[in-house]
Amino acid sequence: MIQMKVQGLTLDASTNSPIVILSEQEGSRSVPIWIGLLEATAIASELENISFSRPMTHDLFINTLRAAGWSIMRVEIVDIRDNTFFAYLHLHSQERSLIKIDARPSDAIALSLRAGVPIFMARHILEAKLIPSQPEPDSQEKWREILESMAPEDFGKYKM
């Protein structure tokens, strides 16, 4: 497993679909993962330190875990099949030690940012999905504009 970091978000120019770019923590390789608008919003708001007056879904999940005595230890993106990525959340509690929960990578990434835990990727994925590590200077500004233009009632409008 290779430790990754969220390099940023961008939009696919042909489909306007959000893409999260993960880069090696200690290296120059990157992997794009196409994600849904709501997950992109959750990731972007955390990257931009934007807070909402009420908890969003990922905040609710973290709060529920904590109330039940669990914490997220790490996120692992473990496989890709038919252009679909697979991930696990590794959870820890005093009573049950460690468990793995299947998760969509976009949700796992959003949760890792909120919980401040590392993201790891299986080496074979990184080697199969290489792209040059080049940040897009406009992408952060695009996401800031999108987030600032949205109202709280907009978050229920989009189907994934």
C-alpha atoms as a PDB file:
ATOM      1  CA  MET A   1       0.000   0.000   0.000  1.00  0.00           C
ATOM      2  CA  ILE A   2       1.181   3.500  -0.869  1.00  0.00           C
ATOM      3  CA  GLN A   3       0.156   6.540   1.159  1.00  0.00           C
ATOM      4  CA  MET A   4      -1.750   9.098  -0.896  1.00  0.00           C
ATOM      5  CA  LYS A   5      -2.977  12.657  -0.442  1.00  0.00           C
ATOM      6  CA  VAL A   6      -5.793  14.602  -2.044  1.00  0.00           C
ATOM      7  CA  GLN A   7      -4.090  16.804  -4.598  1.00  0.00           C
ATOM      8  CA  GLY A   8      -7.327  18.514  -5.551  1.00  0.00           C
ATOM      9  CA  LEU A   9     -10.555  18.436  -7.486  1.00  0.00           C
ATOM     10  CA  THR A  10     -11.225  19.205 -11.105  1.00  0.00           C
ATOM     11  CA  LEU A  11     -14.041  18.809 -13.609  1.00  0.00           C
ATOM     12  CA  ASP A  12     -14.033  16.468 -16.600  1.00  0.00           C
ATOM     13  CA  ALA A  13     -14.357  18.940 -19.494  1.00  0.00           C
ATOM     14  CA  SER A  14     -16.382  16.540 -21.642  1.00  0.00           C
ATOM     15  CA  THR A  15     -18.936  15.421 -19.022  1.00  0.00           C
ATOM     16  CA  ASN A  16     -18.682  18.094 -16.293  1.00  0.00           C
ATOM     17  CA  SER A  17     -18.228  15.219 -13.838  1.00  0.00           C
ATOM     18  CA  PRO A  18     -16.119  15.939 -10.763  1.00  0.00           C
ATOM     19  CA  ILE A  19     -12.753  14.202 -10.465  1.00  0.00           C
ATOM     20  CA  VAL A  20     -10.721  13.873  -7.284  1.00  0.00           C
ATOM     21  CA  ILE A  21      -6.977  13.591  -7.891  1.00  0.00           C
ATOM     22  CA  LEU A  22      -4.990  11.493  -5.430  1.00  0.00           C
ATOM     23  CA  SER A  23      -1.187  11.818  -5.482  1.00  0.00           C
ATOM     24  CA  GLU A  24       1.536   9.836  -3.815  1.00  0.00           C
ATOM     25  CA  GLN A  25       2.546  11.316  -0.466  1.00  0.00           C
ATOM     26  CA  GLU A  26       6.180  10.611  -1.347  1.00  0.00           C
ATOM     27  CA  GLY A  27       6.323  10.658  -5.146  1.00  0.00           C
ATOM     28  CA  SER A  28       4.963  12.200  -8.297  1.00  0.00           C
ATOM     29  CA  ARG A  29       2.338   9.729  -9.526  1.00  0.00           C
ATOM     30  CA  SER A  30      -1.358  10.573  -9.427  1.00  0.00           C
ATOM     31  CA  VAL A  31      -4.663   8.777  -9.928  1.00  0.00           C
ATOM     32  CA  PRO A  32      -7.933  10.401 -11.041  1.00  0.00           C
ATOM     33  CA  ILE A  33     -11.202   9.080  -9.601  1.00  0.00           C
ATOM     34  CA  TRP A  34     -14.489  10.263 -11.130  1.00  0.00           C
ATOM     35  CA  ILE A  35     -16.972  10.962  -8.338  1.00  0.00           C
ATOM     36  CA  GLY A  36     -20.463  12.327  -7.777  1.00  0.00           C
ATOM     37  CA  LEU A  37     -21.327  15.970  -7.183  1.00  0.00           C
ATOM     38  CA  LEU A  38     -22.344  15.502  -3.545  1.00  0.00           C
ATOM     39  CA  GLU A  39     -19.120  13.687  -2.672  1.00  0.00           C
ATOM     40  CA  ALA A  40     -17.114  16.321  -4.560  1.00  0.00           C
ATOM     41  CA  THR A  41     -18.910  18.999  -2.574  1.00  0.00           C
ATOM     42  CA  ALA A  42     -18.066  17.205   0.681  1.00  0.00           C
ATOM     43  CA  ILE A  43     -14.400  16.912  -0.311  1.00  0.00           C
ATOM     44  CA  ALA A  44     -14.163  20.484  -1.620  1.00  0.00           C
ATOM     45  CA  SER A  45     -15.801  21.983   1.463  1.00  0.00           C
ATOM     46  CA  GLU A  46     -13.303  20.192   3.696  1.00  0.00           C
ATOM     47  CA  LEU A  47     -10.326  21.187   1.521  1.00  0.00           C
ATOM     48  CA  GLU A  48     -11.486  24.807   1.546  1.00  0.00           C
ATOM     49  CA  ASN A  49     -12.340  24.773   5.285  1.00  0.00           C
ATOM     50  CA  ILE A  50     -15.958  25.686   4.544  1.00  0.00           C
ATOM     51  CA  SER A  51     -18.318  24.844   7.376  1.00  0.00           C
ATOM     52  CA  PHE A  52     -22.070  24.543   7.280  1.00  0.00           C
ATOM     53  CA  SER A  53     -24.536  25.489   9.988  1.00  0.00           C
ATOM     54  CA  ARG A  54     -25.802  21.891  10.203  1.00  0.00           C
ATOM     55  CA  PRO A  55     -23.883  18.608   9.895  1.00  0.00           C
ATOM     56  CA  MET A  56     -23.578  17.191   6.399  1.00  0.00           C
ATOM     57  CA  THR A  57     -23.914  13.424   5.818  1.00  0.00           C
ATOM     58  CA  HIS A  58     -20.193  12.700   6.263  1.00  0.00           C
ATOM     59  CA  ASP A  59     -20.154  14.752   9.474  1.00  0.00           C
ATOM     60  CA  LEU A  60     -23.165  12.790  10.722  1.00  0.00           C
ATOM     61  CA  PHE A  61     -21.377   9.504  10.041  1.00  0.00           C
ATOM     62  CA  ILE A  62     -18.234  10.634  11.903  1.00  0.00           C
ATOM     63  CA  ASN A  63     -20.341  11.911  14.819  1.00  0.00           C
ATOM     64  CA  THR A  64     -22.284   8.633  14.971  1.00  0.00           C
ATOM     65  CA  LEU A  65     -19.080   6.579  14.947  1.00  0.00           C
ATOM     66  CA  ARG A  66     -17.602   8.654  17.759  1.00  0.00           C
ATOM     67  CA  ALA A  67     -20.790   8.409  19.845  1.00  0.00           C
ATOM     68  CA  ALA A  68     -20.664   4.623  19.459  1.00  0.00           C
ATOM     69  CA  GLY A  69     -16.996   4.489  20.530  1.00  0.00           C
ATOM     70  CA  TRP A  70     -15.489   3.922  17.078  1.00  0.00           C
ATOM     71  CA  SER A  71     -12.898   5.912  15.179  1.00  0.00           C
ATOM     72  CA  ILE A  72     -11.621   5.754  11.614  1.00  0.00           C
ATOM     73  CA  MET A  73      -7.971   4.720  11.582  1.00  0.00           C
ATOM     74  CA  ARG A  74      -7.262   4.749   7.848  1.00  0.00           C
ATOM     75  CA  VAL A  75      -8.776   4.516   4.382  1.00  0.00           C
ATOM     76  CA  GLU A  76      -7.575   2.004   1.804  1.00  0.00           C
ATOM     77  CA  ILE A  77      -8.400   2.046  -1.890  1.00  0.00           C
ATOM     78  CA  VAL A  78      -7.815  -1.611  -2.618  1.00  0.00           C
ATOM     79  CA  ASP A  79      -8.921  -2.451  -6.144  1.00  0.00           C
ATOM     80  CA  ILE A  80     -10.275  -1.310  -9.480  1.00  0.00           C
ATOM     81  CA  ARG A  81     -12.531  -3.515 -11.610  1.00  0.00           C
ATOM     82  CA  ASP A  82     -14.357  -2.387 -14.755  1.00  0.00           C
ATOM     83  CA  ASN A  83     -13.338   1.229 -14.014  1.00  0.00           C
ATOM     84  CA  THR A  84     -14.907   1.021 -10.548  1.00  0.00           C
ATOM     85  CA  PHE A  85     -12.712   1.654  -7.507  1.00  0.00           C
ATOM     86  CA  PHE A  86     -13.182  -0.248  -4.240  1.00  0.00           C
ATOM     87  CA  ALA A  87     -12.220   1.008  -0.791  1.00  0.00           C
ATOM     88  CA  TYR A  88     -12.328   0.096   2.887  1.00  0.00           C
ATOM     89  CA  LEU A  89     -12.657   2.149   6.031  1.00  0.00           C
ATOM     90  CA  HIS A  90     -10.594   0.704   8.870  1.00  0.00           C
ATOM     91  CA  LEU A  91     -12.412   1.335  12.150  1.00  0.00           C
ATOM     92  CA  HIS A  92     -11.187   0.851  15.700  1.00  0.00           C
ATOM     93  CA  SER A  93     -12.933   0.597  19.050  1.00  0.00           C
ATOM     94  CA  GLN A  94     -11.748  -0.458  22.487  1.00  0.00           C
ATOM     95  CA  GLU A  95     -14.193  -3.375  22.627  1.00  0.00           C
ATOM     96  CA  ARG A  96     -13.898  -4.810  19.118  1.00  0.00           C
ATOM     97  CA  SER A  97     -10.375  -3.890  18.035  1.00  0.00           C
ATOM     98  CA  LEU A  98     -10.245  -3.364  14.255  1.00  0.00           C
ATOM     99  CA  ILE A  99     -12.841  -3.934  11.513  1.00  0.00           C
ATOM    100  CA  LYS A 100     -13.004  -3.137   7.797  1.00  0.00           C
ATOM    101  CA  ILE A 101     -16.098  -1.666   6.148  1.00  0.00           C
ATOM    102  CA  ASP A 102     -16.642  -1.582   2.386  1.00  0.00           C
ATOM    103  CA  ALA A 103     -17.043   1.998   1.121  1.00  0.00           C
ATOM    104  CA  ARG A 104     -17.109   3.976  -2.076  1.00  0.00           C
ATOM    105  CA  PRO A 105     -13.722   5.685  -2.484  1.00  0.00           C
ATOM    106  CA  SER A 106     -15.348   9.122  -2.753  1.00  0.00           C
ATOM    107  CA  ASP A 107     -17.088   8.683   0.606  1.00  0.00           C
ATOM    108  CA  ALA A 108     -13.962   7.161   2.142  1.00  0.00           C
ATOM    109  CA  ILE A 109     -11.871  10.133   0.971  1.00  0.00           C
ATOM    110  CA  ALA A 110     -14.397  12.644   2.322  1.00  0.00           C
ATOM    111  CA  LEU A 111     -14.403  10.809   5.672  1.00  0.00           C
ATOM    112  CA  SER A 112     -10.601  10.607   5.800  1.00  0.00           C
ATOM    113  CA  LEU A 113     -10.343  14.374   5.361  1.00  0.00           C
ATOM    114  CA  ARG A 114     -12.864  15.004   8.144  1.00  0.00           C
ATOM    115  CA  ALA A 115     -11.258  12.478  10.488  1.00  0.00           C
ATOM    116  CA  GLY A 116      -7.694  13.510   9.633  1.00  0.00           C
ATOM    117  CA  VAL A 117      -6.614   9.951   8.806  1.00  0.00           C
ATOM    118  CA  PRO A 118      -4.323   8.707   6.034  1.00  0.00           C
ATOM    119  CA  ILE A 119      -5.405   7.388   2.652  1.00  0.00           C
ATOM    120  CA  PHE A 120      -3.598   4.383   1.188  1.00  0.00           C
ATOM    121  CA  MET A 121      -3.820   2.883  -2.294  1.00  0.00           C
ATOM    122  CA  ALA A 122      -2.873  -0.570  -3.532  1.00  0.00           C
ATOM    123  CA  ARG A 123       0.277  -0.368  -5.627  1.00  0.00           C
ATOM    124  CA  HIS A 124      -1.306  -2.120  -8.634  1.00  0.00           C
ATOM    125  CA  ILE A 125      -3.949   0.621  -8.931  1.00  0.00           C
ATOM    126  CA  LEU A 126      -1.386   3.383  -8.884  1.00  0.00           C
ATOM    127  CA  GLU A 127       0.629   1.625 -11.546  1.00  0.00           C
ATOM    128  CA  ALA A 128      -2.428   0.965 -13.739  1.00  0.00           C
ATOM    129  CA  LYS A 129      -3.945   4.474 -13.594  1.00  0.00           C
ATOM    130  CA  LEU A 130      -0.937   6.778 -13.948  1.00  0.00           C
ATOM    131  CA  ILE A 131      -1.339  10.372 -15.016  1.00  0.00           C
ATOM    132  CA  PRO A 132       1.247  13.130 -14.718  1.00  0.00           C
ATOM    133  CA  SER A 133       1.098  15.008 -11.424  1.00  0.00           C
ATOM    134  CA  GLN A 134       0.122  18.469 -12.631  1.00  0.00           C
ATOM    135  CA  PRO A 135      -2.285  20.537 -10.558  1.00  0.00           C
ATOM    136  CA  GLU A 136      -4.855  22.519 -12.495  1.00  0.00           C
ATOM    137  CA  PRO A 137      -4.617  26.100 -11.255  1.00  0.00           C
ATOM    138  CA  ASP A 138      -8.238  26.954 -12.070  1.00  0.00           C
ATOM    139  CA  SER A 139      -9.837  23.904 -10.448  1.00  0.00           C
ATOM    140  CA  GLN A 140      -9.778  25.195  -6.852  1.00  0.00           C
ATOM    141  CA  GLU A 141     -11.311  28.481  -7.944  1.00  0.00           C
ATOM    142  CA  LYS A 142     -14.010  26.623  -9.929  1.00  0.00           C
ATOM    143  CA  TRP A 143     -14.969  24.579  -6.856  1.00  0.00           C
ATOM    144  CA  ARG A 144     -14.967  27.659  -4.630  1.00  0.00           C
ATOM    145  CA  GLU A 145     -17.389  29.353  -7.069  1.00  0.00           C
ATOM    146  CA  ILE A 146     -19.627  26.264  -7.225  1.00  0.00           C
ATOM    147  CA  LEU A 147     -19.766  25.905  -3.436  1.00  0.00           C
ATOM    148  CA  GLU A 148     -20.360  29.600  -2.798  1.00  0.00           C
ATOM    149  CA  SER A 149     -23.212  29.685  -5.313  1.00  0.00           C
ATOM    150  CA  MET A 150     -25.067  26.754  -3.707  1.00  0.00           C
ATOM    151  CA  ALA A 151     -27.777  27.144  -1.112  1.00  0.00           C
ATOM    152  CA  PRO A 152     -28.445  24.465   1.558  1.00  0.00           C
ATOM    153  CA  GLU A 153     -31.589  23.342  -0.280  1.00  0.00           C
ATOM    154  CA  ASP A 154     -29.496  22.571  -3.387  1.00  0.00           C
ATOM    155  CA  PHE A 155     -27.869  19.576  -1.720  1.00  0.00           C
ATOM    156  CA  GLY A 156     -30.928  17.355  -2.155  1.00  0.00           C
ATOM    157  CA  LYS A 157     -31.445  18.141  -5.848  1.00  0.00           C
ATOM    158  CA  TYR A 158     -28.798  16.012  -7.529  1.00  0.00           C
ATOM    159  CA  LYS A 159     -29.223  12.322  -8.275  1.00  0.00           C
ATOM    160  CA  MET A 160     -26.151  10.091  -8.408  1.00  0.00           C
END
